[in-house]
Amino acid sequence: MDLKGHYAEFIYPNLVALTFPTQLWLVRCDPLGPAKMRLVSRIYGLDTSQNVQDEAFEHLETTNYEDTEMLLVLMGNLRTPLYRVGPASTWEVRAIHLWETVRQHLDTPLATDEFSH
């Protein structure tokens, strides 16, 4: 069996699931205010050896650090008066679909029996 590659999925509103052949990483972003958030990460896996767990944790820690540094720069850029929203990356197809679906549902009035049994 070929156990290579991984996949990341954004789960509305604040959870990212990263699936690997033998591990599941969950990363949750909790907003704490307009300019502050808490990042909570968990790793679940099939291989329980301490060495594999340590390597996974170090990789996740490095990735979270890199992402945090990038987001600090991006958020600073968003606060500039010259910032304009541009097109989303083609890598963001699933996120685009999610937000288009959310917008569609927000624009659609609820049916009178929407929540009745």
PDB file of N, CA and C in Angstrom:
ATOM      1  N   MET A   1       0.838  -1.172   0.000  1.00  0.00           N
ATOM      2  CA  MET A   1       0.000   0.000   0.000  1.00  0.00           C
ATOM      3  C   MET A   1       0.891   1.247   0.000  1.00  0.00           C
ATOM      4  N   ASP A   2       0.534   2.227  -0.820  1.00  0.00           N
ATOM      5  CA  ASP A   2       1.300   3.471  -0.912  1.00  0.00           C
ATOM      6  C   ASP A   2       0.733   4.466   0.094  1.00  0.00           C
ATOM      7  N   LEU A   3       1.483   4.772   1.141  1.00  0.00           N
ATOM      8  CA  LEU A   3       1.023   5.687   2.178  1.00  0.00           C
ATOM      9  C   LEU A   3       1.759   7.011   2.081  1.00  0.00           C
ATOM     10  N   LYS A   4       1.500   7.742   1.013  1.00  0.00           N
ATOM     11  CA  LYS A   4       2.154   9.037   0.817  1.00  0.00           C
ATOM     12  C   LYS A   4       1.098  10.122   0.660  1.00  0.00           C
ATOM     13  N   GLY A   5       1.505  11.344   0.951  1.00  0.00           N
ATOM     14  CA  GLY A   5       0.639  12.494   0.725  1.00  0.00           C
ATOM     15  C   GLY A   5      -0.211  12.835   1.931  1.00  0.00           C
ATOM     16  N   HIS A   6      -0.865  13.966   1.828  1.00  0.00           N
ATOM     17  CA  HIS A   6      -1.780  14.412   2.871  1.00  0.00           C
ATOM     18  C   HIS A   6      -2.829  15.320   2.251  1.00  0.00           C
ATOM     19  N   TYR A   7      -3.823  15.658   3.036  1.00  0.00           N
ATOM     20  CA  TYR A   7      -4.941  16.450   2.558  1.00  0.00           C
ATOM     21  C   TYR A   7      -5.393  17.356   3.690  1.00  0.00           C
ATOM     22  N   ALA A   8      -5.719  18.597   3.397  1.00  0.00           N
ATOM     23  CA  ALA A   8      -6.205  19.528   4.411  1.00  0.00           C
ATOM     24  C   ALA A   8      -7.627  19.945   4.055  1.00  0.00           C
ATOM     25  N   GLU A   9      -8.479  19.996   5.061  1.00  0.00           N
ATOM     26  CA  GLU A   9      -9.879  20.375   4.851  1.00  0.00           C
ATOM     27  C   GLU A   9     -10.282  21.406   5.883  1.00  0.00           C
ATOM     28  N   PHE A  10     -10.866  22.487   5.416  1.00  0.00           N
ATOM     29  CA  PHE A  10     -11.370  23.537   6.296  1.00  0.00           C
ATOM     30  C   PHE A  10     -12.796  23.181   6.686  1.00  0.00           C
ATOM     31  N   ILE A  11     -13.065  23.148   7.988  1.00  0.00           N
ATOM     32  CA  ILE A  11     -14.401  22.827   8.485  1.00  0.00           C
ATOM     33  C   ILE A  11     -14.941  24.075   9.182  1.00  0.00           C
ATOM     34  N   TYR A  12     -15.972  24.647   8.612  1.00  0.00           N
ATOM     35  CA  TYR A  12     -16.569  25.885   9.103  1.00  0.00           C
ATOM     36  C   TYR A  12     -16.963  25.743  10.568  1.00  0.00           C
ATOM     37  N   PRO A  13     -16.700  26.704  11.437  1.00  0.00           N
ATOM     38  CA  PRO A  13     -16.119  27.996  11.132  1.00  0.00           C
ATOM     39  C   PRO A  13     -14.629  28.122  11.428  1.00  0.00           C
ATOM     40  N   ASN A  14     -14.016  27.206  12.208  1.00  0.00           N
ATOM     41  CA  ASN A  14     -12.652  27.492  12.648  1.00  0.00           C
ATOM     42  C   ASN A  14     -11.768  26.255  12.830  1.00  0.00           C
ATOM     43  N   LEU A  15     -12.057  25.174  12.137  1.00  0.00           N
ATOM     44  CA  LEU A  15     -11.305  23.949  12.321  1.00  0.00           C
ATOM     45  C   LEU A  15     -10.669  23.507  11.003  1.00  0.00           C
ATOM     46  N   VAL A  16      -9.413  23.107  11.070  1.00  0.00           N
ATOM     47  CA  VAL A  16      -8.731  22.540   9.909  1.00  0.00           C
ATOM     48  C   VAL A  16      -8.335  21.112  10.268  1.00  0.00           C
ATOM     49  N   ALA A  17      -8.731  20.180   9.419  1.00  0.00           N
ATOM     50  CA  ALA A  17      -8.353  18.779   9.590  1.00  0.00           C
ATOM     51  C   ALA A  17      -7.318  18.452   8.527  1.00  0.00           C
ATOM     52  N   LEU A  18      -6.161  17.990   8.963  1.00  0.00           N
ATOM     53  CA  LEU A  18      -5.099  17.587   8.047  1.00  0.00           C
ATOM     54  C   LEU A  18      -4.964  16.072   8.151  1.00  0.00           C
ATOM     55  N   THR A  19      -5.287  15.389   7.075  1.00  0.00           N
ATOM     56  CA  THR A  19      -5.249  13.932   7.097  1.00  0.00           C
ATOM     57  C   THR A  19      -3.988  13.431   6.414  1.00  0.00           C
ATOM     58  N   PHE A  20      -3.344  12.491   7.063  1.00  0.00           N
ATOM     59  CA  PHE A  20      -2.162  11.819   6.553  1.00  0.00           C
ATOM     60  C   PHE A  20      -2.476  10.326   6.527  1.00  0.00           C
ATOM     61  N   PRO A  21      -1.677   9.530   5.846  1.00  0.00           N
ATOM     62  CA  PRO A  21      -1.978   8.099   5.789  1.00  0.00           C
ATOM     63  C   PRO A  21      -2.120   7.426   7.159  1.00  0.00           C
ATOM     64  N   THR A  22      -1.353   7.873   8.157  1.00  0.00           N
ATOM     65  CA  THR A  22      -1.434   7.222   9.473  1.00  0.00           C
ATOM     66  C   THR A  22      -1.727   8.197  10.611  1.00  0.00           C
ATOM     67  N   GLN A  23      -2.075   9.444  10.278  1.00  0.00           N
ATOM     68  CA  GLN A  23      -2.313  10.444  11.317  1.00  0.00           C
ATOM     69  C   GLN A  23      -3.430  11.393  10.913  1.00  0.00           C
ATOM     70  N   LEU A  24      -4.062  11.975  11.924  1.00  0.00           N
ATOM     71  CA  LEU A  24      -5.026  13.053  11.742  1.00  0.00           C
ATOM     72  C   LEU A  24      -4.580  14.194  12.639  1.00  0.00           C
ATOM     73  N   TRP A  25      -4.395  15.367  12.045  1.00  0.00           N
ATOM     74  CA  TRP A  25      -4.057  16.562  12.810  1.00  0.00           C
ATOM     75  C   TRP A  25      -5.283  17.459  12.795  1.00  0.00           C
ATOM     76  N   LEU A  26      -5.677  17.966  13.945  1.00  0.00           N
ATOM     77  CA  LEU A  26      -6.768  18.929  14.038  1.00  0.00           C
ATOM     78  C   LEU A  26      -6.195  20.236  14.563  1.00  0.00           C
ATOM     79  N   VAL A  27      -6.468  21.319  13.866  1.00  0.00           N
ATOM     80  CA  VAL A  27      -5.993  22.643  14.260  1.00  0.00           C
ATOM     81  C   VAL A  27      -7.218  23.553  14.334  1.00  0.00           C
ATOM     82  N   ARG A  28      -7.459  24.125  15.512  1.00  0.00           N
ATOM     83  CA  ARG A  28      -8.617  24.998  15.718  1.00  0.00           C
ATOM     84  C   ARG A  28      -8.137  26.398  16.072  1.00  0.00           C
ATOM     85  N   CYS A  29      -8.752  27.399  15.474  1.00  0.00           N
ATOM     86  CA  CYS A  29      -8.441  28.799  15.754  1.00  0.00           C
ATOM     87  C   CYS A  29      -9.616  29.411  16.503  1.00  0.00           C
ATOM     88  N   ASP A  30      -9.388  29.815  17.745  1.00  0.00           N
ATOM     89  CA  ASP A  30     -10.428  30.423  18.568  1.00  0.00           C
ATOM     90  C   ASP A  30     -10.202  31.925  18.639  1.00  0.00           C
ATOM     91  N   PRO A  31     -11.140  32.729  18.127  1.00  0.00           N
ATOM     92  CA  PRO A  31     -10.971  34.183  18.237  1.00  0.00           C
ATOM     93  C   PRO A  31     -11.101  34.627  19.691  1.00  0.00           C
ATOM     94  N   LEU A  32     -10.185  35.486  20.111  1.00  0.00           N
ATOM     95  CA  LEU A  32     -10.200  36.020  21.478  1.00  0.00           C
ATOM     96  C   LEU A  32     -10.456  37.517  21.487  1.00  0.00           C
ATOM     97  N   GLY A  33     -10.550  38.123  20.331  1.00  0.00           N
ATOM     98  CA  GLY A  33     -10.769  39.555  20.190  1.00  0.00           C
ATOM     99  C   GLY A  33     -10.484  39.956  18.759  1.00  0.00           C
ATOM    100  N   PRO A  34     -10.609  41.227  18.443  1.00  0.00           N
ATOM    101  CA  PRO A  34     -10.412  41.678  17.067  1.00  0.00           C
ATOM    102  C   PRO A  34      -9.020  41.402  16.511  1.00  0.00           C
ATOM    103  N   ALA A  35      -8.016  41.349  17.365  1.00  0.00           N
ATOM    104  CA  ALA A  35      -6.650  41.154  16.876  1.00  0.00           C
ATOM    105  C   ALA A  35      -5.920  40.058  17.640  1.00  0.00           C
ATOM    106  N   LYS A  36      -6.682  39.094  18.186  1.00  0.00           N
ATOM    107  CA  LYS A  36      -6.039  38.062  18.980  1.00  0.00           C
ATOM    108  C   LYS A  36      -6.785  36.744  18.817  1.00  0.00           C
ATOM    109  N   MET A  37      -6.020  35.635  18.743  1.00  0.00           N
ATOM    110  CA  MET A  37      -6.638  34.318  18.656  1.00  0.00           C
ATOM    111  C   MET A  37      -5.772  33.290  19.359  1.00  0.00           C
ATOM    112  N   ARG A  38      -6.401  32.171  19.682  1.00  0.00           N
ATOM    113  CA  ARG A  38      -5.703  31.038  20.295  1.00  0.00           C
ATOM    114  C   ARG A  38      -5.715  29.898  19.283  1.00  0.00           C
ATOM    115  N   LEU A  39      -4.575  29.252  19.104  1.00  0.00           N
ATOM    116  CA  LEU A  39      -4.441  28.121  18.202  1.00  0.00           C
ATOM    117  C   LEU A  39      -4.329  26.852  19.040  1.00  0.00           C
ATOM    118  N   VAL A  40      -5.224  25.902  18.810  1.00  0.00           N
ATOM    119  CA  VAL A  40      -5.232  24.636  19.544  1.00  0.00           C
ATOM    120  C   VAL A  40      -5.002  23.518  18.542  1.00  0.00           C
ATOM    121  N   SER A  41      -4.009  22.673  18.780  1.00  0.00           N
ATOM    122  CA  SER A  41      -3.669  21.585  17.855  1.00  0.00           C
ATOM    123  C   SER A  41      -3.676  20.250  18.579  1.00  0.00           C
ATOM    124  N   ARG A  42      -4.124  19.230  17.857  1.00  0.00           N
ATOM    125  CA  ARG A  42      -4.101  17.863  18.371  1.00  0.00           C
ATOM    126  C   ARG A  42      -3.636  16.942  17.256  1.00  0.00           C
ATOM    127  N   ILE A  43      -2.893  15.909  17.624  1.00  0.00           N
ATOM    128  CA  ILE A  43      -2.436  14.911  16.656  1.00  0.00           C
ATOM    129  C   ILE A  43      -2.960  13.552  17.106  1.00  0.00           C
ATOM    130  N   TYR A  44      -3.620  12.855  16.197  1.00  0.00           N
ATOM    131  CA  TYR A  44      -4.077  11.488  16.446  1.00  0.00           C
ATOM    132  C   TYR A  44      -3.422  10.598  15.399  1.00  0.00           C
ATOM    133  N   GLY A  45      -2.960   9.421  15.781  1.00  0.00           N
ATOM    134  CA  GLY A  45      -2.280   8.582  14.810  1.00  0.00           C
ATOM    135  C   GLY A  45      -2.301   7.115  15.151  1.00  0.00           C
ATOM    136  N   LEU A  46      -1.952   6.325  14.149  1.00  0.00           N
ATOM    137  CA  LEU A  46      -1.916   4.879  14.316  1.00  0.00           C
ATOM    138  C   LEU A  46      -0.607   4.400  14.921  1.00  0.00           C
ATOM    139  N   ASP A  47       0.478   5.090  14.646  1.00  0.00           N
ATOM    140  CA  ASP A  47       1.789   4.684  15.156  1.00  0.00           C
ATOM    141  C   ASP A  47       2.005   5.367  16.500  1.00  0.00           C
ATOM    142  N   THR A  48       2.181   4.589  17.533  1.00  0.00           N
ATOM    143  CA  THR A  48       2.293   5.170  18.871  1.00  0.00           C
ATOM    144  C   THR A  48       3.732   5.245  19.386  1.00  0.00           C
ATOM    145  N   SER A  49       4.720   4.950  18.537  1.00  0.00           N
ATOM    146  CA  SER A  49       6.098   5.026  19.017  1.00  0.00           C
ATOM    147  C   SER A  49       6.437   6.472  19.375  1.00  0.00           C
ATOM    148  N   GLN A  50       7.218   6.646  20.417  1.00  0.00           N
ATOM    149  CA  GLN A  50       7.571   7.977  20.887  1.00  0.00           C
ATOM    150  C   GLN A  50       8.296   8.775  19.817  1.00  0.00           C
ATOM    151  N   ASN A  51       9.162   8.132  19.046  1.00  0.00           N
ATOM    152  CA  ASN A  51       9.911   8.811  17.999  1.00  0.00           C
ATOM    153  C   ASN A  51       8.981   9.395  16.936  1.00  0.00           C
ATOM    154  N   VAL A  52       8.005   8.622  16.490  1.00  0.00           N
ATOM    155  CA  VAL A  52       7.059   9.102  15.472  1.00  0.00           C
ATOM    156  C   VAL A  52       6.208  10.236  16.035  1.00  0.00           C
ATOM    157  N   GLN A  53       5.774  10.114  17.284  1.00  0.00           N
ATOM    158  CA  GLN A  53       4.990  11.174  17.910  1.00  0.00           C
ATOM    159  C   GLN A  53       5.798  12.468  18.022  1.00  0.00           C
ATOM    160  N   ASP A  54       7.056  12.351  18.441  1.00  0.00           N
ATOM    161  CA  ASP A  54       7.917  13.526  18.568  1.00  0.00           C
ATOM    162  C   ASP A  54       8.122  14.212  17.216  1.00  0.00           C
ATOM    163  N   GLU A  55       8.367  13.423  16.179  1.00  0.00           N
ATOM    164  CA  GLU A  55       8.557  13.985  14.836  1.00  0.00           C
ATOM    165  C   GLU A  55       7.299  14.706  14.355  1.00  0.00           C
ATOM    166  N   ALA A  56       6.130  14.105  14.576  1.00  0.00           N
ATOM    167  CA  ALA A  56       4.876  14.730  14.160  1.00  0.00           C
ATOM    168  C   ALA A  56       4.659  16.040  14.905  1.00  0.00           C
ATOM    169  N   PHE A  57       4.912  16.035  16.200  1.00  0.00           N
ATOM    170  CA  PHE A  57       4.741  17.240  17.003  1.00  0.00           C
ATOM    171  C   PHE A  57       5.686  18.346  16.537  1.00  0.00           C
ATOM    172  N   GLU A  58       6.937  18.011  16.288  1.00  0.00           N
ATOM    173  CA  GLU A  58       7.907  19.007  15.812  1.00  0.00           C
ATOM    174  C   GLU A  58       7.493  19.567  14.457  1.00  0.00           C
ATOM    175  N   HIS A  59       7.001  18.704  13.582  1.00  0.00           N
ATOM    176  CA  HIS A  59       6.553  19.167  12.259  1.00  0.00           C
ATOM    177  C   HIS A  59       5.352  20.112  12.398  1.00  0.00           C
ATOM    178  N   LEU A  60       4.388  19.738  13.237  1.00  0.00           N
ATOM    179  CA  LEU A  60       3.219  20.591  13.461  1.00  0.00           C
ATOM    180  C   LEU A  60       3.619  21.909  14.098  1.00  0.00           C
ATOM    181  N   GLU A  61       4.532  21.867  15.058  1.00  0.00           N
ATOM    182  CA  GLU A  61       5.001  23.088  15.716  1.00  0.00           C
ATOM    183  C   GLU A  61       5.670  24.030  14.709  1.00  0.00           C
ATOM    184  N   THR A  62       6.505  23.473  13.833  1.00  0.00           N
ATOM    185  CA  THR A  62       7.171  24.281  12.807  1.00  0.00           C
ATOM    186  C   THR A  62       6.154  24.882  11.843  1.00  0.00           C
ATOM    187  N   THR A  63       5.204  24.048  11.410  1.00  0.00           N
ATOM    188  CA  THR A  63       4.175  24.524  10.476  1.00  0.00           C
ATOM    189  C   THR A  63       3.334  25.621  11.116  1.00  0.00           C
ATOM    190  N   ASN A  64       2.907  25.425  12.366  1.00  0.00           N
ATOM    191  CA  ASN A  64       2.119  26.457  13.048  1.00  0.00           C
ATOM    192  C   ASN A  64       2.910  27.754  13.196  1.00  0.00           C
ATOM    193  N   TYR A  65       4.196  27.650  13.511  1.00  0.00           N
ATOM    194  CA  TYR A  65       5.036  28.847  13.644  1.00  0.00           C
ATOM    195  C   TYR A  65       5.124  29.582  12.306  1.00  0.00           C
ATOM    196  N   GLU A  66       5.385  28.850  11.231  1.00  0.00           N
ATOM    197  CA  GLU A  66       5.492  29.470   9.903  1.00  0.00           C
ATOM    198  C   GLU A  66       4.174  30.124   9.506  1.00  0.00           C
ATOM    199  N   ASP A  67       3.063  29.425   9.739  1.00  0.00           N
ATOM    200  CA  ASP A  67       1.753  29.986   9.398  1.00  0.00           C
ATOM    201  C   ASP A  67       1.450  31.229  10.227  1.00  0.00           C
ATOM    202  N   THR A  68       1.794  31.199  11.518  1.00  0.00           N
ATOM    203  CA  THR A  68       1.550  32.348  12.381  1.00  0.00           C
ATOM    204  C   THR A  68       2.354  33.556  11.919  1.00  0.00           C
ATOM    205  N   GLU A  69       3.617  33.343  11.592  1.00  0.00           N
ATOM    206  CA  GLU A  69       4.448  34.453  11.108  1.00  0.00           C
ATOM    207  C   GLU A  69       3.873  35.040   9.813  1.00  0.00           C
ATOM    208  N   MET A  70       3.422  34.173   8.912  1.00  0.00           N
ATOM    209  CA  MET A  70       2.841  34.638   7.650  1.00  0.00           C
ATOM    210  C   MET A  70       1.551  35.416   7.916  1.00  0.00           C
ATOM    211  N   LEU A  71       0.709  34.901   8.811  1.00  0.00           N
ATOM    212  CA  LEU A  71      -0.561  35.567   9.098  1.00  0.00           C
ATOM    213  C   LEU A  71      -0.368  36.925   9.762  1.00  0.00           C
ATOM    214  N   LEU A  72       0.650  37.058  10.597  1.00  0.00           N
ATOM    215  CA  LEU A  72       0.927  38.358  11.206  1.00  0.00           C
ATOM    216  C   LEU A  72       1.233  39.405  10.138  1.00  0.00           C
ATOM    217  N   VAL A  73       2.003  39.021   9.135  1.00  0.00           N
ATOM    218  CA  VAL A  73       2.314  39.936   8.035  1.00  0.00           C
ATOM    219  C   VAL A  73       1.051  40.241   7.229  1.00  0.00           C
ATOM    220  N   LEU A  74       0.290  39.187   6.899  1.00  0.00           N
ATOM    221  CA  LEU A  74      -0.930  39.385   6.114  1.00  0.00           C
ATOM    222  C   LEU A  74      -1.938  40.269   6.839  1.00  0.00           C
ATOM    223  N   MET A  75      -2.135  40.024   8.137  1.00  0.00           N
ATOM    224  CA  MET A  75      -3.092  40.829   8.890  1.00  0.00           C
ATOM    225  C   MET A  75      -2.638  42.288   8.983  1.00  0.00           C
ATOM    226  N   GLY A  76      -1.339  42.500   9.106  1.00  0.00           N
ATOM    227  CA  GLY A  76      -0.817  43.868   9.083  1.00  0.00           C
ATOM    228  C   GLY A  76      -1.105  44.536   7.749  1.00  0.00           C
ATOM    229  N   ASN A  77      -0.957  43.792   6.669  1.00  0.00           N
ATOM    230  CA  ASN A  77      -1.244  44.336   5.339  1.00  0.00           C
ATOM    231  C   ASN A  77      -2.724  44.671   5.174  1.00  0.00           C
ATOM    232  N   LEU A  78      -3.596  43.875   5.763  1.00  0.00           N
ATOM    233  CA  LEU A  78      -5.034  44.131   5.654  1.00  0.00           C
ATOM    234  C   LEU A  78      -5.427  45.450   6.301  1.00  0.00           C
ATOM    235  N   ARG A  79      -4.650  45.899   7.268  1.00  0.00           N
ATOM    236  CA  ARG A  79      -4.969  47.142   7.984  1.00  0.00           C
ATOM    237  C   ARG A  79      -4.508  48.393   7.236  1.00  0.00           C
ATOM    238  N   THR A  80      -3.790  48.224   6.149  1.00  0.00           N
ATOM    239  CA  THR A  80      -3.317  49.396   5.420  1.00  0.00           C
ATOM    240  C   THR A  80      -4.451  49.995   4.604  1.00  0.00           C
ATOM    241  N   PRO A  81      -4.434  51.305   4.381  1.00  0.00           N
ATOM    242  CA  PRO A  81      -5.515  51.938   3.607  1.00  0.00           C
ATOM    243  C   PRO A  81      -5.486  51.557   2.125  1.00  0.00           C
ATOM    244  N   LEU A  82      -4.415  50.984   1.651  1.00  0.00           N
ATOM    245  CA  LEU A  82      -4.304  50.635   0.239  1.00  0.00           C
ATOM    246  C   LEU A  82      -4.773  49.213  -0.076  1.00  0.00           C
ATOM    247  N   TYR A  83      -5.118  48.436   0.948  1.00  0.00           N
ATOM    248  CA  TYR A  83      -5.507  47.040   0.719  1.00  0.00           C
ATOM    249  C   TYR A  83      -6.822  46.951  -0.045  1.00  0.00           C
ATOM    250  N   ARG A  84      -6.853  46.100  -1.044  1.00  0.00           N
ATOM    251  CA  ARG A  84      -8.069  45.795  -1.802  1.00  0.00           C
ATOM    252  C   ARG A  84      -8.184  44.274  -1.908  1.00  0.00           C
ATOM    253  N   VAL A  85      -9.398  43.754  -1.797  1.00  0.00           N
ATOM    254  CA  VAL A  85      -9.615  42.319  -1.930  1.00  0.00           C
ATOM    255  C   VAL A  85      -9.344  41.921  -3.370  1.00  0.00           C
ATOM    256  N   GLY A  86      -8.594  40.845  -3.540  1.00  0.00           N
ATOM    257  CA  GLY A  86      -8.288  40.343  -4.878  1.00  0.00           C
ATOM    258  C   GLY A  86      -8.878  38.962  -5.075  1.00  0.00           C
ATOM    259  N   PRO A  87      -8.615  38.371  -6.214  1.00  0.00           N
ATOM    260  CA  PRO A  87      -9.157  37.028  -6.472  1.00  0.00           C
ATOM    261  C   PRO A  87      -8.498  35.995  -5.573  1.00  0.00           C
ATOM    262  N   ALA A  88      -9.271  34.980  -5.204  1.00  0.00           N
ATOM    263  CA  ALA A  88      -8.736  33.900  -4.381  1.00  0.00           C
ATOM    264  C   ALA A  88      -7.819  33.023  -5.218  1.00  0.00           C
ATOM    265  N   SER A  89      -6.905  32.371  -4.570  1.00  0.00           N
ATOM    266  CA  SER A  89      -6.001  31.444  -5.233  1.00  0.00           C
ATOM    267  C   SER A  89      -6.784  30.231  -5.731  1.00  0.00           C
ATOM    268  N   THR A  90      -6.318  29.635  -6.812  1.00  0.00           N
ATOM    269  CA  THR A  90      -6.954  28.411  -7.310  1.00  0.00           C
ATOM    270  C   THR A  90      -6.776  27.267  -6.306  1.00  0.00           C
ATOM    271  N   TRP A  91      -5.862  27.418  -5.358  1.00  0.00           N
ATOM    272  CA  TRP A  91      -5.668  26.411  -4.311  1.00  0.00           C
ATOM    273  C   TRP A  91      -6.797  26.451  -3.287  1.00  0.00           C
ATOM    274  N   GLU A  92      -7.605  27.490  -3.320  1.00  0.00           N
ATOM    275  CA  GLU A  92      -8.651  27.690  -2.319  1.00  0.00           C
ATOM    276  C   GLU A  92     -10.030  27.289  -2.835  1.00  0.00           C
ATOM    277  N   VAL A  93     -10.099  26.340  -3.756  1.00  0.00           N
ATOM    278  CA  VAL A  93     -11.371  25.956  -4.376  1.00  0.00           C
ATOM    279  C   VAL A  93     -12.391  25.506  -3.339  1.00  0.00           C
ATOM    280  N   ARG A  94     -11.982  24.677  -2.375  1.00  0.00           N
ATOM    281  CA  ARG A  94     -12.931  24.188  -1.371  1.00  0.00           C
ATOM    282  C   ARG A  94     -13.406  25.326  -0.477  1.00  0.00           C
ATOM    283  N   ALA A  95     -12.507  26.218  -0.103  1.00  0.00           N
ATOM    284  CA  ALA A  95     -12.905  27.351   0.737  1.00  0.00           C
ATOM    285  C   ALA A  95     -13.852  28.276  -0.032  1.00  0.00           C
ATOM    286  N   ILE A  96     -13.576  28.509  -1.300  1.00  0.00           N
ATOM    287  CA  ILE A  96     -14.452  29.344  -2.132  1.00  0.00           C
ATOM    288  C   ILE A  96     -15.841  28.717  -2.193  1.00  0.00           C
ATOM    289  N   HIS A  97     -15.896  27.403  -2.427  1.00  0.00           N
ATOM    290  CA  HIS A  97     -17.190  26.712  -2.485  1.00  0.00           C
ATOM    291  C   HIS A  97     -17.945  26.867  -1.168  1.00  0.00           C
ATOM    292  N   LEU A  98     -17.246  26.704  -0.048  1.00  0.00           N
ATOM    293  CA  LEU A  98     -17.877  26.843   1.256  1.00  0.00           C
ATOM    294  C   LEU A  98     -18.491  28.230   1.420  1.00  0.00           C
ATOM    295  N   TRP A  99     -17.726  29.279   1.149  1.00  0.00           N
ATOM    296  CA  TRP A  99     -18.222  30.635   1.364  1.00  0.00           C
ATOM    297  C   TRP A  99     -19.319  30.996   0.380  1.00  0.00           C
ATOM    298  N   GLU A 100     -19.264  30.485  -0.852  1.00  0.00           N
ATOM    299  CA  GLU A 100     -20.363  30.712  -1.797  1.00  0.00           C
ATOM    300  C   GLU A 100     -21.640  30.038  -1.294  1.00  0.00           C
ATOM    301  N   THR A 101     -21.502  28.845  -0.718  1.00  0.00           N
ATOM    302  CA  THR A 101     -22.659  28.139  -0.161  1.00  0.00           C
ATOM    303  C   THR A 101     -23.233  28.900   1.029  1.00  0.00           C
ATOM    304  N   VAL A 102     -22.368  29.384   1.917  1.00  0.00           N
ATOM    305  CA  VAL A 102     -22.832  30.171   3.061  1.00  0.00           C
ATOM    306  C   VAL A 102     -23.569  31.408   2.579  1.00  0.00           C
ATOM    307  N   ARG A 103     -22.983  32.135   1.613  1.00  0.00           N
ATOM    308  CA  ARG A 103     -23.643  33.340   1.086  1.00  0.00           C
ATOM    309  C   ARG A 103     -24.998  33.002   0.476  1.00  0.00           C
ATOM    310  N   GLN A 104     -25.060  31.916  -0.280  1.00  0.00           N
ATOM    311  CA  GLN A 104     -26.317  31.512  -0.913  1.00  0.00           C
ATOM    312  C   GLN A 104     -27.381  31.253   0.151  1.00  0.00           C
ATOM    313  N   HIS A 105     -27.017  30.554   1.213  1.00  0.00           N
ATOM    314  CA  HIS A 105     -27.990  30.264   2.264  1.00  0.00           C
ATOM    315  C   HIS A 105     -28.380  31.516   3.040  1.00  0.00           C
ATOM    316  N   LEU A 106     -27.453  32.452   3.188  1.00  0.00           N
ATOM    317  CA  LEU A 106     -27.787  33.701   3.873  1.00  0.00           C
ATOM    318  C   LEU A 106     -28.738  34.538   3.039  1.00  0.00           C
ATOM    319  N   ASP A 107     -28.631  34.422   1.713  1.00  0.00           N
ATOM    320  CA  ASP A 107     -29.495  35.184   0.810  1.00  0.00           C
ATOM    321  C   ASP A 107     -30.853  34.529   0.598  1.00  0.00           C
ATOM    322  N   THR A 108     -31.002  33.272   1.030  1.00  0.00           N
ATOM    323  CA  THR A 108     -32.240  32.544   0.814  1.00  0.00           C
ATOM    324  C   THR A 108     -33.083  32.582   2.076  1.00  0.00           C
ATOM    325  N   PRO A 109     -34.298  33.130   1.997  1.00  0.00           N
ATOM    326  CA  PRO A 109     -35.144  33.154   3.196  1.00  0.00           C
ATOM    327  C   PRO A 109     -35.495  31.734   3.634  1.00  0.00           C
ATOM    328  N   LEU A 110     -35.660  31.541   4.925  1.00  0.00           N
ATOM    329  CA  LEU A 110     -36.052  30.237   5.438  1.00  0.00           C
ATOM    330  C   LEU A 110     -37.502  29.947   5.058  1.00  0.00           C
ATOM    331  N   ALA A 111     -37.770  28.696   4.752  1.00  0.00           N
ATOM    332  CA  ALA A 111     -39.149  28.276   4.508  1.00  0.00           C
ATOM    333  C   ALA A 111     -39.902  28.300   5.836  1.00  0.00           C
ATOM    334  N   THR A 112     -41.210  28.449   5.795  1.00  0.00           N
ATOM    335  CA  THR A 112     -41.994  28.538   7.034  1.00  0.00           C
ATOM    336  C   THR A 112     -41.873  27.265   7.869  1.00  0.00           C
ATOM    337  N   ASP A 113     -41.637  26.115   7.222  1.00  0.00           N
ATOM    338  CA  ASP A 113     -41.524  24.846   7.952  1.00  0.00           C
ATOM    339  C   ASP A 113     -40.076  24.359   8.046  1.00  0.00           C
ATOM    340  N   GLU A 114     -39.119  25.264   7.923  1.00  0.00           N
ATOM    341  CA  GLU A 114     -37.700  24.903   7.867  1.00  0.00           C
ATOM    342  C   GLU A 114     -37.252  24.048   9.057  1.00  0.00           C
ATOM    343  N   PHE A 115     -37.741  24.384  10.255  1.00  0.00           N
ATOM    344  CA  PHE A 115     -37.282  23.657  11.440  1.00  0.00           C
ATOM    345  C   PHE A 115     -38.386  22.860  12.128  1.00  0.00           C
ATOM    346  N   SER A 116     -39.492  22.648  11.472  1.00  0.00           N
ATOM    347  CA  SER A 116     -40.555  21.869  12.098  1.00  0.00           C
ATOM    348  C   SER A 116     -40.359  20.384  11.826  1.00  0.00           C
ATOM    349  N   HIS A 117     -40.924  19.546  12.662  1.00  0.00           N
ATOM    350  CA  HIS A 117     -40.756  18.090  12.510  1.00  0.00           C
ATOM    351  C   HIS A 117     -41.970  17.489  11.865  1.00  0.00           C
TER     352      HIS A 117
END
